[in-house]
C-alpha atoms as a PDB file:
ATOM      1  CA  SER A   1      23.791 123.067  97.902  1.00  0.00           C
ATOM      2  CA  PHE A   2      21.103 126.048  98.636  1.00  0.00           C
ATOM      3  CA  SER A   3      21.391 129.498  98.554  1.00  0.00           C
ATOM      4  CA  HIS A   4      19.228 132.232  99.884  1.00  0.00           C
ATOM      5  CA  ASN A   5      20.836 134.688  97.500  1.00  0.00           C
ATOM      6  CA  SER A   6      18.583 135.846  94.743  1.00  0.00           C
ATOM      7  CA  TYR A   7      21.193 136.803  92.208  1.00  0.00           C
ATOM      8  CA  ILE A   8      24.963 135.655  91.456  1.00  0.00           C
ATOM      9  CA  THR A   9      27.595 138.016  90.515  1.00  0.00           C
ATOM     10  CA  ASP A  10      30.271 137.066  87.884  1.00  0.00           C
ATOM     11  CA  GLN A  11      33.794 138.326  87.385  1.00  0.00           C
ATOM     12  CA  THR A  12      32.516 141.593  85.829  1.00  0.00           C
ATOM     13  CA  GLY A  13      30.170 142.880  88.161  1.00  0.00           C
ATOM     14  CA  THR A  14      27.056 141.371  86.291  1.00  0.00           C
ATOM     15  CA  LYS A  15      24.316 140.441  88.883  1.00  0.00           C
ATOM     16  CA  THR A  16      21.990 137.761  87.261  1.00  0.00           C
ATOM     17  CA  GLU A  17      18.892 136.602  89.125  1.00  0.00           C
ATOM     18  CA  VAL A  18      18.816 133.093  90.176  1.00  0.00           C
ATOM     19  CA  ASP A  19      16.030 130.791  91.697  1.00  0.00           C
ATOM     20  CA  CYS A  20      16.821 130.209  95.077  1.00  0.00           C
ATOM     21  CA  PHE A  21      14.930 126.705  94.856  1.00  0.00           C
ATOM     22  CA  ILE A  22      17.071 125.847  91.990  1.00  0.00           C
ATOM     23  CA  HIS A  23      20.186 123.112  93.456  1.00  0.00           C
ATOM     24  CA  GLN A  24      23.136 125.104  92.970  1.00  0.00           C
ATOM     25  CA  SER A  25      25.039 122.402  91.927  1.00  0.00           C
ATOM     26  CA  PHE A  26      23.290 122.562  88.475  1.00  0.00           C
ATOM     27  CA  VAL A  27      24.090 126.748  88.551  1.00  0.00           C
ATOM     28  CA  ASN A  28      26.972 128.167  85.972  1.00  0.00           C
ATOM     29  CA  ALA A  29      29.815 130.226  86.857  1.00  0.00           C
ATOM     30  CA  ALA A  30      33.380 130.982  85.832  1.00  0.00           C
ATOM     31  CA  SER A  31      34.994 127.794  87.125  1.00  0.00           C
ATOM     32  CA  GLY A  32      38.165 129.871  87.685  1.00  0.00           C
ATOM     33  CA  SER A  33      41.435 127.579  88.332  1.00  0.00           C
ATOM     34  CA  VAL A  34      39.572 124.370  88.628  1.00  0.00           C
ATOM     35  CA  PHE A  35      39.533 124.048  84.939  1.00  0.00           C
ATOM     36  CA  LYS A  36      43.216 124.506  84.578  1.00  0.00           C
ATOM     37  CA  ILE A  37      43.301 120.557  84.900  1.00  0.00           C
ATOM     38  CA  ALA A  38      41.286 120.496  81.996  1.00  0.00           C
ATOM     39  CA  SER A  39      43.141 122.898  79.956  1.00  0.00           C
ATOM     40  CA  GLY A  40      46.743 120.911  80.910  1.00  0.00           C
ATOM     41  CA  THR A  41      44.777 117.870  79.483  1.00  0.00           C
ATOM     42  CA  LEU A  42      44.622 119.072  76.193  1.00  0.00           C
ATOM     43  CA  ALA A  43      48.523 120.768  77.128  1.00  0.00           C
ATOM     44  CA  ALA A  44      49.765 116.933  77.281  1.00  0.00           C
ATOM     45  CA  LYS A  45      47.951 115.728  74.766  1.00  0.00           C
ATOM     46  CA  TYR A  46      49.743 117.969  72.110  1.00  0.00           C
ATOM     47  CA  GLY A  47      53.496 117.782  74.017  1.00  0.00           C
ATOM     48  CA  ILE A  48      53.235 121.147  75.663  1.00  0.00           C
ATOM     49  CA  LEU A  49      54.902 120.527  78.643  1.00  0.00           C
ATOM     50  CA  LYS A  50      57.163 123.391  79.472  1.00  0.00           C
ATOM     51  CA  MET A  51      57.171 127.392  78.288  1.00  0.00           C
ATOM     52  CA  GLN A  52      58.481 130.089  79.042  1.00  0.00           C
ATOM     53  CA  ASP A  53      56.356 132.000  81.872  1.00  0.00           C
ATOM     54  CA  LEU A  54      55.992 136.044  81.605  1.00  0.00           C
ATOM     55  CA  GLY A  55      53.364 136.209  84.004  1.00  0.00           C
ATOM     56  CA  PHE A  56      51.558 139.019  82.331  1.00  0.00           C
ATOM     57  CA  CYS A  57      50.201 139.035  78.720  1.00  0.00           C
ATOM     58  CA  PRO A  58      50.410 142.842  77.537  1.00  0.00           C
ATOM     59  CA  THR A  59      48.163 141.767  73.956  1.00  0.00           C
ATOM     60  CA  TYR A  60      45.370 140.221  75.883  1.00  0.00           C
ATOM     61  CA  GLU A  61      45.965 141.859  79.493  1.00  0.00           C
ATOM     62  CA  TYR A  62      45.844 139.017  81.998  1.00  0.00           C
ATOM     63  CA  SER A  63      48.539 138.082  84.589  1.00  0.00           C
ATOM     64  CA  ASN A  64      49.297 135.609  86.880  1.00  0.00           C
ATOM     65  CA  TRP A  65      47.821 135.839  90.392  1.00  0.00           C
ATOM     66  CA  ASP A  66      51.485 136.958  91.737  1.00  0.00           C
ATOM     67  CA  TYR A  67      52.792 139.265  89.188  1.00  0.00           C
ATOM     68  CA  LYS A  68      51.511 142.565  90.311  1.00  0.00           C
ATOM     69  CA  ASP A  69      53.414 142.101  93.777  1.00  0.00           C
ATOM     70  CA  HIS A  70      56.467 139.709  92.438  1.00  0.00           C
ATOM     71  CA  PRO A  71      57.138 140.834  89.013  1.00  0.00           C
ATOM     72  CA  ALA A  72      60.979 139.690  89.815  1.00  0.00           C
ATOM     73  CA  ARG A  73      60.073 136.244  89.529  1.00  0.00           C
ATOM     74  CA  TYR A  74      59.369 136.759  85.917  1.00  0.00           C
ATOM     75  CA  PRO A  75      60.353 135.711  83.051  1.00  0.00           C
ATOM     76  CA  CYS A  76      60.632 131.844  84.152  1.00  0.00           C
ATOM     77  CA  GLU A  77      60.483 128.266  82.588  1.00  0.00           C
ATOM     78  CA  ARG A  78      57.691 126.134  84.258  1.00  0.00           C
ATOM     79  CA  THR A  79      56.931 122.663  83.106  1.00  0.00           C
ATOM     80  CA  LEU A  80      53.222 121.489  83.033  1.00  0.00           C
ATOM     81  CA  GLN A  81      53.328 120.099  86.831  1.00  0.00           C
ATOM     82  CA  GLN A  82      54.819 124.000  87.778  1.00  0.00           C
ATOM     83  CA  ALA A  83      52.425 125.677  86.096  1.00  0.00           C
ATOM     84  CA  LEU A  84      49.975 123.942  87.734  1.00  0.00           C
ATOM     85  CA  LEU A  85      51.245 123.985  91.248  1.00  0.00           C
ATOM     86  CA  ASN A  86      51.557 127.552  90.888  1.00  0.00           C
ATOM     87  CA  SER A  87      48.486 128.183  89.064  1.00  0.00           C
ATOM     88  CA  SER A  88      49.584 130.138  86.015  1.00  0.00           C
ATOM     89  CA  ASN A  89      46.885 132.056  84.370  1.00  0.00           C
ATOM     90  CA  TYR A  90      49.837 133.693  81.440  1.00  0.00           C
ATOM     91  CA  TRP A  91      50.945 129.747  80.604  1.00  0.00           C
ATOM     92  CA  PHE A  92      47.144 127.851  80.399  1.00  0.00           C
ATOM     93  CA  GLY A  93      45.890 130.838  78.451  1.00  0.00           C
ATOM     94  CA  GLN A  94      49.197 130.288  76.407  1.00  0.00           C
ATOM     95  CA  VAL A  95      48.460 126.804  75.600  1.00  0.00           C
ATOM     96  CA  PHE A  96      44.902 127.562  74.650  1.00  0.00           C
ATOM     97  CA  TYR A  97      46.203 130.299  72.155  1.00  0.00           C
ATOM     98  CA  GLN A  98      48.702 128.054  70.775  1.00  0.00           C
ATOM     99  CA  LEU A  99      45.985 125.458  70.111  1.00  0.00           C
ATOM    100  CA  GLY A 100      43.043 127.319  68.580  1.00  0.00           C
ATOM    101  CA  ALA A 101      39.560 127.611  69.273  1.00  0.00           C
ATOM    102  CA  GLU A 102      38.591 124.744  66.950  1.00  0.00           C
ATOM    103  CA  ARG A 103      41.207 122.289  68.422  1.00  0.00           C
ATOM    104  CA  VAL A 104      40.069 123.566  72.152  1.00  0.00           C
ATOM    105  CA  ALA A 105      36.492 123.240  71.448  1.00  0.00           C
ATOM    106  CA  ALA A 106      36.942 119.988  69.682  1.00  0.00           C
ATOM    107  CA  ASP A 107      39.168 118.153  72.506  1.00  0.00           C
ATOM    108  CA  LEU A 108      37.046 119.560  75.059  1.00  0.00           C
ATOM    109  CA  ASN A 109      33.521 117.776  73.766  1.00  0.00           C
ATOM    110  CA  GLU A 110      35.763 114.393  72.771  1.00  0.00           C
ATOM    111  CA  TYR A 111      37.274 113.862  76.544  1.00  0.00           C
ATOM    112  CA  PHE A 112      35.051 116.032  78.686  1.00  0.00           C
ATOM    113  CA  ALA A 113      31.186 115.936  76.786  1.00  0.00           C
ATOM    114  CA  PHE A 114      31.575 119.416  76.790  1.00  0.00           C
ATOM    115  CA  ASP A 115      28.763 120.816  75.074  1.00  0.00           C
ATOM    116  CA  GLU A 116      25.541 119.069  76.682  1.00  0.00           C
ATOM    117  CA  ILE A 117      25.039 116.544  79.007  1.00  0.00           C
ATOM    118  CA  LEU A 118      21.733 115.145  80.306  1.00  0.00           C
ATOM    119  CA  SER A 119      21.485 114.951  84.194  1.00  0.00           C
ATOM    120  CA  ASP A 120      19.089 113.512  86.517  1.00  0.00           C
ATOM    121  CA  PHE A 121      17.994 117.202  87.330  1.00  0.00           C
ATOM    122  CA  GLY A 122      17.954 118.219  83.979  1.00  0.00           C
ATOM    123  CA  THR A 123      20.463 119.290  80.837  1.00  0.00           C
ATOM    124  CA  LEU A 124      23.777 120.662  82.091  1.00  0.00           C
ATOM    125  CA  THR A 125      24.886 123.103  79.525  1.00  0.00           C
ATOM    126  CA  GLN A 126      28.320 124.708  79.444  1.00  0.00           C
ATOM    127  CA  ASP A 127      29.306 128.120  77.944  1.00  0.00           C
ATOM    128  CA  MET A 128      32.860 128.952  76.342  1.00  0.00           C
ATOM    129  CA  PRO A 129      32.829 131.998  74.244  1.00  0.00           C
ATOM    130  CA  LEU A 130      35.704 131.665  71.883  1.00  0.00           C
ATOM    131  CA  ALA A 131      34.823 134.166  69.065  1.00  0.00           C
ATOM    132  CA  SER A 132      37.725 136.316  70.049  1.00  0.00           C
ATOM    133  CA  ASN A 133      41.518 135.395  71.332  1.00  0.00           C
ATOM    134  CA  ALA A 134      40.996 137.288  74.069  1.00  0.00           C
ATOM    135  CA  ASP A 135      38.136 134.924  75.479  1.00  0.00           C
ATOM    136  CA  LEU A 136      40.239 131.694  73.987  1.00  0.00           C
ATOM    137  CA  VAL A 137      43.120 132.560  76.567  1.00  0.00           C
ATOM    138  CA  ARG A 138      40.837 133.386  79.698  1.00  0.00           C
ATOM    139  CA  ALA A 139      38.839 130.245  79.000  1.00  0.00           C
ATOM    140  CA  GLY A 140      42.145 128.696  79.171  1.00  0.00           C
ATOM    141  CA  PHE A 141      42.509 129.441  82.659  1.00  0.00           C
ATOM    142  CA  GLY A 142      38.527 129.089  83.838  1.00  0.00           C
ATOM    143  CA  GLN A 143      37.498 132.677  82.938  1.00  0.00           C
ATOM    144  CA  ARG A 144      35.035 134.129  80.340  1.00  0.00           C
ATOM    145  CA  MET A 145      33.225 130.365  80.475  1.00  0.00           C
ATOM    146  CA  ALA A 146      30.433 129.048  82.553  1.00  0.00           C
ATOM    147  CA  ALA A 147      29.792 125.364  84.143  1.00  0.00           C
ATOM    148  CA  SER A 148      28.213 124.148  86.745  1.00  0.00           C
ATOM    149  CA  PRO A 149      30.019 122.861  90.042  1.00  0.00           C
ATOM    150  CA  LEU A 150      28.610 119.408  88.960  1.00  0.00           C
ATOM    151  CA  TYR A 151      30.059 119.307  85.631  1.00  0.00           C
ATOM    152  CA  LEU A 152      33.747 120.362  87.042  1.00  0.00           C
ATOM    153  CA  ALA A 153      33.324 117.700  89.683  1.00  0.00           C
ATOM    154  CA  ALA A 154      32.838 115.171  86.712  1.00  0.00           C
ATOM    155  CA  VAL A 155      35.993 116.677  84.729  1.00  0.00           C
ATOM    156  CA  GLY A 156      38.046 116.006  88.213  1.00  0.00           C
ATOM    157  CA  ASN A 157      36.759 112.662  88.080  1.00  0.00           C
ATOM    158  CA  ALA A 158      37.689 111.879  84.469  1.00  0.00           C
ATOM    159  CA  VAL A 159      41.211 113.365  84.660  1.00  0.00           C
ATOM    160  CA  VAL A 160      41.466 110.727  87.981  1.00  0.00           C
ATOM    161  CA  THR A 161      40.083 107.759  87.012  1.00  0.00           C
ATOM    162  CA  GLY A 162      40.177 108.326  82.714  1.00  0.00           C
ATOM    163  CA  GLU A 163      36.382 108.108  82.750  1.00  0.00           C
ATOM    164  CA  MET A 164      34.130 111.124  82.046  1.00  0.00           C
ATOM    165  CA  CYS A 165      30.808 109.942  83.551  1.00  0.00           C
ATOM    166  CA  ARG A 166      27.192 111.098  83.245  1.00  0.00           C
ATOM    167  CA  PRO A 167      27.040 113.274  86.605  1.00  0.00           C
ATOM    168  CA  HIS A 168      23.898 112.543  89.031  1.00  0.00           C
ATOM    169  CA  LEU A 169      22.782 113.522  92.114  1.00  0.00           C
ATOM    170  CA  PHE A 170      20.256 110.406  92.794  1.00  0.00           C
ATOM    171  CA  SER A 171      21.028 106.714  92.376  1.00  0.00           C
ATOM    172  CA  HIS A 172      17.848 105.314  93.896  1.00  0.00           C
ATOM    173  CA  THR A 173      14.176 105.994  95.000  1.00  0.00           C
ATOM    174  CA  VAL A 174      13.084 104.530  98.449  1.00  0.00           C
ATOM    175  CA  ASP A 175      10.489 103.921 100.368  1.00  0.00           C
ATOM    176  CA  SER A 176       9.364 106.759 102.466  1.00  0.00           C
ATOM    177  CA  ALA A 177       8.650 104.694 105.713  1.00  0.00           C
ATOM    178  CA  THR A 178      11.336 102.166 105.275  1.00  0.00           C
ATOM    179  CA  LEU A 179      13.675 104.272 103.236  1.00  0.00           C
ATOM    180  CA  SER A 180      15.132 100.759 101.315  1.00  0.00           C
ATOM    181  CA  PRO A 181      15.751 100.877  97.857  1.00  0.00           C
ATOM    182  CA  LEU A 182      12.965 100.628  95.346  1.00  0.00           C
ATOM    183  CA  GLU A 183      14.455 100.767  92.126  1.00  0.00           C
ATOM    184  CA  THR A 184      17.759 102.272  90.593  1.00  0.00           C
ATOM    185  CA  ILE A 185      16.746 105.183  88.550  1.00  0.00           C
ATOM    186  CA  TRP A 186      20.144 106.283  87.461  1.00  0.00           C
ATOM    187  CA  LYS A 187      22.931 104.307  86.440  1.00  0.00           C
ATOM    188  CA  ASP A 188      26.805 105.688  85.847  1.00  0.00           C
ATOM    189  CA  THR A 189      27.082 106.091  82.286  1.00  0.00           C
ATOM    190  CA  VAL A 190      30.377 106.716  80.495  1.00  0.00           C
ATOM    191  CA  LEU A 191      30.214 109.651  77.967  1.00  0.00           C
ATOM    192  CA  CYS A 192      33.933 109.585  76.866  1.00  0.00           C
ATOM    193  CA  THR A 193      37.607 108.696  78.195  1.00  0.00           C
ATOM    194  CA  VAL A 194      40.841 110.331  78.741  1.00  0.00           C
ATOM    195  CA  PRO A 195      43.522 108.464  77.855  1.00  0.00           C
ATOM    196  CA  ALA A 196      45.994 107.940  80.488  1.00  0.00           C
ATOM    197  CA  GLU A 197      49.159 109.755  78.850  1.00  0.00           C
ATOM    198  CA  TYR A 198      47.256 112.920  78.503  1.00  0.00           C
ATOM    199  CA  THR A 199      46.977 112.767  82.612  1.00  0.00           C
ATOM    200  CA  ALA A 200      50.319 111.195  82.931  1.00  0.00           C
ATOM    201  CA  PRO A 201      52.336 115.061  84.168  1.00  0.00           C
ATOM    202  CA  TYR A 202      49.552 114.857  87.115  1.00  0.00           C
ATOM    203  CA  PHE A 203      50.559 111.555  88.791  1.00  0.00           C
ATOM    204  CA  HIS A 204      53.981 111.428  90.822  1.00  0.00           C
ATOM    205  CA  PRO A 205      53.633 109.193  93.366  1.00  0.00           C
ATOM    206  CA  LYS A 206      56.951 108.455  93.871  1.00  0.00           C
ATOM    207  CA  SER A 207      58.440 112.588  93.708  1.00  0.00           C
ATOM    208  CA  LYS A 208      56.987 114.737  96.616  1.00  0.00           C
ATOM    209  CA  ALA A 209      58.718 117.518  94.494  1.00  0.00           C
ATOM    210  CA  VAL A 210      56.169 117.356  91.769  1.00  0.00           C
ATOM    211  CA  SER A 211      53.715 115.789  93.351  1.00  0.00           C
ATOM    212  CA  LEU A 212      50.532 116.951  92.534  1.00  0.00           C
ATOM    213  CA  LEU A 213      46.822 116.465  93.334  1.00  0.00           C
ATOM    214  CA  PHE A 214      46.666 112.890  92.482  1.00  0.00           C
ATOM    215  CA  HIS A 215      48.373 109.580  93.620  1.00  0.00           C
ATOM    216  CA  ASP A 216      48.902 106.951  90.717  1.00  0.00           C
ATOM    217  CA  ARG A 217      45.820 106.296  88.558  1.00  0.00           C
ATOM    218  CA  SER A 218      45.814 102.537  89.053  1.00  0.00           C
ATOM    219  CA  ALA A 219      44.695 103.205  92.791  1.00  0.00           C
ATOM    220  CA  TYR A 220      41.281 104.806  91.844  1.00  0.00           C
END
């Protein structure tokens, strides 16, 4: 929860000083592949469920994690499920490239409240530069963007339950002597919803071959 480090280092090697007393769940950093569940939700919305995975994009110089050591695996055709299972940077980068910056920004805000969220520790502000296609494709697999662990946890909840809730760390104040609750200081608030059909490709309770992270949404 708390880090004794005086700085964090991003993917470019840049060091940024941080206050060691700031709760690290609120500190933005490159989200990495965990953000692919949000990218995949947008892919499903627009019917992007299968595409050729080349493993490497020469135009914007990004590749899959296994491309360097196993180039013979490519090209190959992958479904959305397979792209997530194999954590394909190429696949999700191409999703954002096909959709374009305007639609990506609008949909992330509509389904995942991306722009800004008021939480009990302050305001969560995510950052995703989309000025160039190089930035856009990397945002598709969680690079060149920044979000806090608390925000990303809320995104995961939205994919599983269909509700993007206002994230918070505390729900009650308590009596310091008895620890009994005094009052509710923060209530769950649904900021936006994710239609079930946009996350349906993630739910396959009856098939081990394509089962991903979750059971059927009705279980949550």
